[in-house]
Amino acid sequence: MQDLPENTDLLASVEAFLKDDILPQLPPGDAYRTRVSANVLAMVRRYLEQASADGSHDERERLHLLTGKRGTLAGQTAELSRLIAEGDLTTDDPRLRDHLWRTTLAKLAVDQPKYSGYRRALEEWASVNAPAEPTDPADPQS
């Protein structure tokens, strides 16, 4: 028995079919609706790709570190919101800043991956958060 294609591959195929084969043949109104439909498929595909990378697990772990609570993503997010609203967590906390940046970048990766502001923020994030070069204790130059 053959394995079925991945859901993301199926979505990419339909998206390409709509954009490459159908869209050029349509009148403007139908072309617009078809382009919107293809973009929705692309967003769902990117969401599934991100979910398969277990990004929600990482987000829940960050929320646990911030709130001290475990639970659903929605419940942990509500707890984080409560802590911020009550002033128990502020943007002076680097863990909160890190969480907000990572969460925002993850959402933009699904919603607007070609957005120039997202691209710049991603590059900036990578340069600021690049791991330090490991030093060789045997090398007197390090």
N, C-alpha and C. Protein backbone atom coordinates (compact mmCIF):
# COMPACT_ATOMS: atom_id res chain seq x y z
N MET A 1 0.84 -1.18 0.00
CA MET A 1 0.00 0.00 0.00
C MET A 1 0.88 1.23 0.00
N GLN A 2 0.56 2.17 -0.84
CA GLN A 2 1.34 3.41 -0.90
C GLN A 2 0.86 4.38 0.16
N ASP A 3 1.80 5.20 0.64
CA ASP A 3 1.43 6.25 1.57
C ASP A 3 0.73 7.37 0.82
N LEU A 4 -0.21 7.99 1.47
CA LEU A 4 -0.90 9.13 0.88
C LEU A 4 0.04 10.34 0.89
N PRO A 5 -0.16 11.26 -0.04
CA PRO A 5 0.66 12.49 0.00
C PRO A 5 0.37 13.28 1.26
N GLU A 6 1.33 14.06 1.67
CA GLU A 6 1.14 14.94 2.82
C GLU A 6 0.04 15.96 2.52
N ASN A 7 -0.70 16.36 3.54
CA ASN A 7 -1.74 17.37 3.36
C ASN A 7 -1.17 18.65 2.75
N THR A 8 0.03 19.02 3.19
CA THR A 8 0.63 20.25 2.66
C THR A 8 0.94 20.12 1.18
N ASP A 9 1.32 18.92 0.74
CA ASP A 9 1.57 18.71 -0.69
C ASP A 9 0.28 18.79 -1.50
N LEU A 10 -0.78 18.25 -0.94
CA LEU A 10 -2.08 18.31 -1.62
C LEU A 10 -2.54 19.77 -1.77
N LEU A 11 -2.41 20.52 -0.69
CA LEU A 11 -2.81 21.94 -0.75
C LEU A 11 -1.95 22.70 -1.75
N ALA A 12 -0.65 22.44 -1.77
CA ALA A 12 0.24 23.12 -2.72
C ALA A 12 -0.15 22.79 -4.16
N SER A 13 -0.56 21.55 -4.41
CA SER A 13 -0.97 21.15 -5.76
C SER A 13 -2.22 21.91 -6.21
N VAL A 14 -3.20 21.99 -5.33
CA VAL A 14 -4.44 22.71 -5.68
C VAL A 14 -4.15 24.19 -5.86
N GLU A 15 -3.33 24.74 -4.97
CA GLU A 15 -2.95 26.16 -5.08
C GLU A 15 -2.27 26.44 -6.43
N ALA A 16 -1.32 25.60 -6.82
CA ALA A 16 -0.62 25.78 -8.10
C ALA A 16 -1.59 25.62 -9.27
N PHE A 17 -2.49 24.64 -9.20
CA PHE A 17 -3.48 24.44 -10.26
C PHE A 17 -4.33 25.68 -10.44
N LEU A 18 -4.82 26.24 -9.34
CA LEU A 18 -5.66 27.44 -9.42
C LEU A 18 -4.89 28.61 -10.03
N LYS A 19 -3.67 28.81 -9.54
CA LYS A 19 -2.88 29.97 -10.00
C LYS A 19 -2.36 29.81 -11.42
N ASP A 20 -1.88 28.62 -11.74
CA ASP A 20 -1.21 28.43 -13.03
C ASP A 20 -2.15 28.04 -14.17
N ASP A 21 -3.16 27.21 -13.88
CA ASP A 21 -4.00 26.69 -14.94
C ASP A 21 -5.36 27.40 -15.06
N ILE A 22 -5.98 27.69 -13.95
CA ILE A 22 -7.33 28.24 -13.97
C ILE A 22 -7.34 29.77 -14.06
N LEU A 23 -6.54 30.41 -13.21
CA LEU A 23 -6.55 31.87 -13.10
C LEU A 23 -6.38 32.60 -14.44
N PRO A 24 -5.43 32.19 -15.28
CA PRO A 24 -5.25 32.92 -16.55
C PRO A 24 -6.44 32.87 -17.50
N GLN A 25 -7.34 31.93 -17.29
CA GLN A 25 -8.48 31.77 -18.20
C GLN A 25 -9.75 32.48 -17.74
N LEU A 26 -9.69 33.11 -16.58
CA LEU A 26 -10.91 33.65 -15.99
C LEU A 26 -11.08 35.15 -16.24
N PRO A 27 -12.34 35.60 -16.27
CA PRO A 27 -12.59 37.04 -16.33
C PRO A 27 -12.18 37.67 -14.99
N PRO A 28 -11.98 38.98 -14.95
CA PRO A 28 -11.41 39.65 -13.77
C PRO A 28 -12.10 39.32 -12.44
N GLY A 29 -13.42 39.34 -12.39
CA GLY A 29 -14.11 39.08 -11.11
C GLY A 29 -13.84 37.67 -10.59
N ASP A 30 -13.96 36.70 -11.49
CA ASP A 30 -13.69 35.31 -11.10
C ASP A 30 -12.20 35.10 -10.79
N ALA A 31 -11.35 35.79 -11.52
CA ALA A 31 -9.90 35.68 -11.27
C ALA A 31 -9.56 36.17 -9.87
N TYR A 32 -10.19 37.26 -9.45
CA TYR A 32 -9.95 37.80 -8.12
C TYR A 32 -10.35 36.78 -7.05
N ARG A 33 -11.56 36.22 -7.18
CA ARG A 33 -12.03 35.25 -6.19
C ARG A 33 -11.16 33.99 -6.19
N THR A 34 -10.69 33.59 -7.35
CA THR A 34 -9.82 32.42 -7.43
C THR A 34 -8.47 32.71 -6.79
N ARG A 35 -7.94 33.92 -7.00
CA ARG A 35 -6.67 34.31 -6.37
C ARG A 35 -6.81 34.32 -4.85
N VAL A 36 -7.93 34.85 -4.36
CA VAL A 36 -8.18 34.85 -2.91
C VAL A 36 -8.25 33.41 -2.40
N SER A 37 -8.92 32.54 -3.12
CA SER A 37 -9.03 31.12 -2.72
C SER A 37 -7.66 30.46 -2.69
N ALA A 38 -6.84 30.72 -3.69
CA ALA A 38 -5.49 30.15 -3.72
C ALA A 38 -4.66 30.67 -2.55
N ASN A 39 -4.83 31.94 -2.21
CA ASN A 39 -4.10 32.51 -1.07
C ASN A 39 -4.56 31.89 0.26
N VAL A 40 -5.84 31.59 0.37
CA VAL A 40 -6.34 30.92 1.59
C VAL A 40 -5.72 29.53 1.69
N LEU A 41 -5.68 28.81 0.59
CA LEU A 41 -5.04 27.49 0.61
C LEU A 41 -3.57 27.60 1.03
N ALA A 42 -2.88 28.63 0.54
CA ALA A 42 -1.48 28.82 0.90
C ALA A 42 -1.33 29.10 2.39
N MET A 43 -2.24 29.90 2.96
CA MET A 43 -2.18 30.18 4.40
C MET A 43 -2.41 28.90 5.21
N VAL A 44 -3.38 28.10 4.81
CA VAL A 44 -3.65 26.85 5.52
C VAL A 44 -2.44 25.92 5.41
N ARG A 45 -1.84 25.84 4.23
CA ARG A 45 -0.65 25.01 4.02
C ARG A 45 0.48 25.45 4.94
N ARG A 46 0.75 26.77 4.98
CA ARG A 46 1.82 27.27 5.84
C ARG A 46 1.53 27.01 7.31
N TYR A 47 0.26 27.13 7.70
CA TYR A 47 -0.12 26.85 9.09
C TYR A 47 0.17 25.38 9.42
N LEU A 48 -0.22 24.48 8.53
CA LEU A 48 0.03 23.06 8.76
C LEU A 48 1.53 22.75 8.79
N GLU A 49 2.29 23.40 7.92
CA GLU A 49 3.74 23.19 7.93
C GLU A 49 4.34 23.65 9.26
N GLN A 50 3.89 24.78 9.73
CA GLN A 50 4.39 25.30 11.01
C GLN A 50 3.96 24.40 12.16
N ALA A 51 2.73 23.93 12.12
CA ALA A 51 2.23 23.06 13.18
C ALA A 51 3.01 21.75 13.21
N SER A 52 3.40 21.26 12.05
CA SER A 52 4.17 20.00 12.03
C SER A 52 5.56 20.20 12.61
N ALA A 53 6.04 21.44 12.64
CA ALA A 53 7.33 21.73 13.26
C ALA A 53 7.18 21.87 14.78
N ASP A 54 5.96 21.66 15.28
CA ASP A 54 5.63 21.71 16.70
C ASP A 54 5.85 23.10 17.30
N GLY A 55 5.54 24.13 16.53
CA GLY A 55 5.66 25.49 17.03
C GLY A 55 4.73 25.78 18.19
N SER A 56 3.54 25.14 18.21
CA SER A 56 2.63 25.39 19.32
C SER A 56 3.18 24.80 20.62
N HIS A 57 3.94 23.71 20.53
CA HIS A 57 4.58 23.16 21.73
C HIS A 57 5.59 24.17 22.28
N ASP A 58 6.39 24.76 21.40
CA ASP A 58 7.37 25.76 21.83
C ASP A 58 6.66 26.95 22.48
N GLU A 59 5.56 27.37 21.87
CA GLU A 59 4.81 28.51 22.42
C GLU A 59 4.24 28.16 23.80
N ARG A 60 3.69 26.96 23.94
CA ARG A 60 3.16 26.55 25.25
C ARG A 60 4.27 26.48 26.30
N GLU A 61 5.46 26.03 25.90
CA GLU A 61 6.57 25.98 26.86
C GLU A 61 6.99 27.39 27.29
N ARG A 62 7.05 28.33 26.33
CA ARG A 62 7.36 29.72 26.69
C ARG A 62 6.31 30.28 27.62
N LEU A 63 5.05 29.99 27.33
CA LEU A 63 3.96 30.47 28.19
C LEU A 63 4.05 29.86 29.58
N HIS A 64 4.42 28.60 29.65
CA HIS A 64 4.58 27.96 30.96
C HIS A 64 5.67 28.66 31.76
N LEU A 65 6.78 28.99 31.10
CA LEU A 65 7.87 29.68 31.80
C LEU A 65 7.43 31.07 32.28
N LEU A 66 6.57 31.71 31.51
CA LEU A 66 6.10 33.05 31.88
C LEU A 66 5.02 33.03 32.95
N THR A 67 4.10 32.07 32.84
CA THR A 67 2.93 32.08 33.72
C THR A 67 3.04 31.09 34.88
N GLY A 68 3.90 30.10 34.72
CA GLY A 68 4.00 29.06 35.74
C GLY A 68 2.86 28.05 35.65
N LYS A 69 2.04 28.15 34.62
CA LYS A 69 0.89 27.26 34.48
C LYS A 69 1.00 26.44 33.20
N ARG A 70 0.37 25.28 33.24
CA ARG A 70 0.26 24.43 32.07
C ARG A 70 -1.21 24.40 31.67
N GLY A 71 -1.45 23.98 30.46
CA GLY A 71 -2.84 23.88 30.00
C GLY A 71 -2.90 24.10 28.51
N THR A 72 -4.08 24.47 28.05
CA THR A 72 -4.26 24.70 26.63
C THR A 72 -3.56 26.00 26.24
N LEU A 73 -3.29 26.13 24.97
CA LEU A 73 -2.67 27.35 24.47
C LEU A 73 -3.57 28.55 24.76
N ALA A 74 -4.88 28.38 24.57
CA ALA A 74 -5.81 29.48 24.84
C ALA A 74 -5.81 29.83 26.33
N GLY A 75 -5.81 28.83 27.19
CA GLY A 75 -5.79 29.09 28.62
C GLY A 75 -4.51 29.77 29.09
N GLN A 76 -3.39 29.31 28.56
CA GLN A 76 -2.11 29.93 28.92
C GLN A 76 -2.03 31.37 28.40
N THR A 77 -2.56 31.59 27.21
CA THR A 77 -2.56 32.95 26.65
C THR A 77 -3.45 33.87 27.49
N ALA A 78 -4.58 33.36 27.93
CA ALA A 78 -5.45 34.16 28.79
C ALA A 78 -4.75 34.50 30.10
N GLU A 79 -4.01 33.55 30.65
CA GLU A 79 -3.27 33.80 31.88
C GLU A 79 -2.18 34.85 31.66
N LEU A 80 -1.49 34.74 30.54
CA LEU A 80 -0.47 35.74 30.21
C LEU A 80 -1.11 37.12 30.10
N SER A 81 -2.24 37.21 29.44
CA SER A 81 -2.94 38.49 29.30
C SER A 81 -3.32 39.06 30.65
N ARG A 82 -3.78 38.20 31.55
CA ARG A 82 -4.14 38.64 32.90
C ARG A 82 -2.91 39.19 33.63
N LEU A 83 -1.78 38.48 33.53
CA LEU A 83 -0.56 38.93 34.20
C LEU A 83 -0.08 40.27 33.66
N ILE A 84 -0.22 40.47 32.35
CA ILE A 84 0.17 41.74 31.75
C ILE A 84 -0.79 42.84 32.20
N ALA A 85 -2.09 42.56 32.16
CA ALA A 85 -3.10 43.56 32.54
C ALA A 85 -2.94 43.99 33.99
N GLU A 86 -2.56 43.06 34.84
CA GLU A 86 -2.40 43.38 36.27
C GLU A 86 -1.02 43.95 36.59
N GLY A 87 -0.16 44.04 35.58
CA GLY A 87 1.16 44.62 35.80
C GLY A 87 2.18 43.66 36.38
N ASP A 88 1.83 42.38 36.48
CA ASP A 88 2.77 41.40 37.01
C ASP A 88 3.86 41.04 36.00
N LEU A 89 3.59 41.24 34.73
CA LEU A 89 4.58 41.04 33.67
C LEU A 89 4.60 42.30 32.82
N THR A 90 5.79 42.79 32.55
CA THR A 90 5.93 43.99 31.71
C THR A 90 6.98 43.71 30.64
N THR A 91 7.07 44.61 29.70
CA THR A 91 8.04 44.44 28.63
C THR A 91 9.48 44.64 29.11
N ASP A 92 9.65 44.98 30.37
CA ASP A 92 11.00 45.00 30.95
C ASP A 92 11.53 43.58 31.10
N ASP A 93 10.64 42.60 31.12
CA ASP A 93 11.03 41.20 31.26
C ASP A 93 11.47 40.67 29.89
N PRO A 94 12.74 40.31 29.74
CA PRO A 94 13.21 39.83 28.42
C PRO A 94 12.49 38.57 27.96
N ARG A 95 12.01 37.76 28.90
CA ARG A 95 11.27 36.54 28.51
C ARG A 95 9.96 36.90 27.82
N LEU A 96 9.30 37.95 28.32
CA LEU A 96 8.05 38.39 27.69
C LEU A 96 8.33 38.97 26.31
N ARG A 97 9.34 39.81 26.22
CA ARG A 97 9.69 40.38 24.90
C ARG A 97 10.00 39.26 23.91
N ASP A 98 10.78 38.28 24.34
CA ASP A 98 11.14 37.16 23.48
C ASP A 98 9.89 36.42 23.03
N HIS A 99 9.00 36.15 23.96
CA HIS A 99 7.77 35.44 23.63
C HIS A 99 6.93 36.22 22.62
N LEU A 100 6.76 37.51 22.85
CA LEU A 100 5.94 38.33 21.96
C LEU A 100 6.53 38.38 20.56
N TRP A 101 7.85 38.54 20.46
CA TRP A 101 8.51 38.56 19.15
C TRP A 101 8.34 37.23 18.44
N ARG A 102 8.63 36.14 19.14
CA ARG A 102 8.55 34.81 18.52
C ARG A 102 7.12 34.50 18.07
N THR A 103 6.15 34.84 18.88
CA THR A 103 4.75 34.57 18.55
C THR A 103 4.32 35.40 17.34
N THR A 104 4.70 36.66 17.32
CA THR A 104 4.34 37.53 16.20
C THR A 104 4.99 37.04 14.91
N LEU A 105 6.27 36.70 14.97
CA LEU A 105 6.96 36.21 13.77
C LEU A 105 6.34 34.91 13.26
N ALA A 106 5.94 34.04 14.18
CA ALA A 106 5.31 32.78 13.77
C ALA A 106 3.98 33.04 13.07
N LYS A 107 3.21 33.99 13.57
CA LYS A 107 1.92 34.31 12.95
C LYS A 107 2.12 34.94 11.57
N LEU A 108 3.10 35.82 11.46
CA LEU A 108 3.38 36.43 10.16
C LEU A 108 3.91 35.43 9.15
N ALA A 109 4.64 34.42 9.62
CA ALA A 109 5.15 33.38 8.72
C ALA A 109 4.01 32.65 8.04
N VAL A 110 2.87 32.55 8.70
CA VAL A 110 1.70 31.90 8.13
C VAL A 110 0.91 32.89 7.28
N ASP A 111 0.66 34.08 7.84
CA ASP A 111 -0.24 35.04 7.22
C ASP A 111 0.40 35.85 6.09
N GLN A 112 1.61 36.34 6.30
CA GLN A 112 2.23 37.27 5.34
C GLN A 112 3.73 36.98 5.15
N PRO A 113 4.10 35.79 4.69
CA PRO A 113 5.53 35.44 4.62
C PRO A 113 6.33 36.29 3.64
N LYS A 114 5.66 36.94 2.69
CA LYS A 114 6.39 37.78 1.72
C LYS A 114 6.39 39.25 2.10
N TYR A 115 5.74 39.60 3.18
CA TYR A 115 5.65 40.98 3.64
C TYR A 115 7.05 41.50 3.99
N SER A 116 7.43 42.63 3.41
CA SER A 116 8.80 43.14 3.58
C SER A 116 9.11 43.45 5.04
N GLY A 117 8.13 43.95 5.78
CA GLY A 117 8.35 44.23 7.20
C GLY A 117 8.63 42.96 7.98
N TYR A 118 7.95 41.87 7.62
CA TYR A 118 8.20 40.58 8.26
C TYR A 118 9.61 40.11 7.94
N ARG A 119 9.99 40.22 6.69
CA ARG A 119 11.33 39.78 6.26
C ARG A 119 12.41 40.54 7.02
N ARG A 120 12.27 41.86 7.13
CA ARG A 120 13.25 42.67 7.86
C ARG A 120 13.29 42.28 9.34
N ALA A 121 12.12 42.11 9.93
CA ALA A 121 12.06 41.73 11.35
C ALA A 121 12.69 40.36 11.57
N LEU A 122 12.46 39.44 10.66
CA LEU A 122 13.04 38.11 10.77
C LEU A 122 14.57 38.17 10.68
N GLU A 123 15.07 38.95 9.74
CA GLU A 123 16.53 39.10 9.61
C GLU A 123 17.12 39.76 10.86
N GLU A 124 16.45 40.79 11.35
CA GLU A 124 16.93 41.47 12.55
C GLU A 124 16.91 40.52 13.74
N TRP A 125 15.82 39.78 13.87
CA TRP A 125 15.70 38.82 14.97
C TRP A 125 16.84 37.80 14.91
N ALA A 126 17.11 37.30 13.70
CA ALA A 126 18.16 36.29 13.55
C ALA A 126 19.52 36.86 13.90
N SER A 127 19.78 38.11 13.51
CA SER A 127 21.10 38.68 13.79
C SER A 127 21.26 39.00 15.27
N VAL A 128 20.20 39.44 15.92
CA VAL A 128 20.28 39.77 17.35
C VAL A 128 20.34 38.51 18.20
N ASN A 129 19.69 37.46 17.74
CA ASN A 129 19.60 36.24 18.54
C ASN A 129 20.46 35.10 18.01
N ALA A 130 21.44 35.44 17.17
CA ALA A 130 22.35 34.41 16.67
C ALA A 130 23.17 33.86 17.83
N PRO A 131 23.36 32.56 17.85
CA PRO A 131 24.16 32.00 18.94
C PRO A 131 25.59 32.50 18.85
N ALA A 132 26.18 32.72 20.01
CA ALA A 132 27.56 33.18 20.06
C ALA A 132 28.46 32.09 19.51
N GLU A 133 29.53 32.51 18.86
CA GLU A 133 30.51 31.56 18.35
C GLU A 133 31.14 30.83 19.52
N PRO A 134 31.16 29.51 19.48
CA PRO A 134 31.80 28.80 20.57
C PRO A 134 33.31 29.06 20.55
N THR A 135 33.86 29.19 21.70
CA THR A 135 35.30 29.43 21.77
C THR A 135 36.01 28.14 22.12
N ASP A 136 37.20 28.02 21.60
CA ASP A 136 38.03 26.84 21.85
C ASP A 136 38.93 27.17 23.02
N PRO A 137 38.75 26.49 24.16
CA PRO A 137 39.57 26.81 25.33
C PRO A 137 41.06 26.56 25.10
N ALA A 138 41.40 25.73 24.10
CA ALA A 138 42.80 25.46 23.81
C ALA A 138 43.43 26.54 22.94
N ASP A 139 42.58 27.42 22.34
CA ASP A 139 43.09 28.45 21.45
C ASP A 139 43.34 29.73 22.25
N PRO A 140 44.60 30.19 22.35
CA PRO A 140 44.88 31.40 23.13
C PRO A 140 44.29 32.65 22.53
N GLN A 141 43.88 32.63 21.26
CA GLN A 141 43.30 33.81 20.60
C GLN A 141 41.84 34.02 21.01
N SER A 142 41.18 32.96 21.56
CA SER A 142 39.75 33.13 21.88
C SER A 142 39.54 33.60 23.29
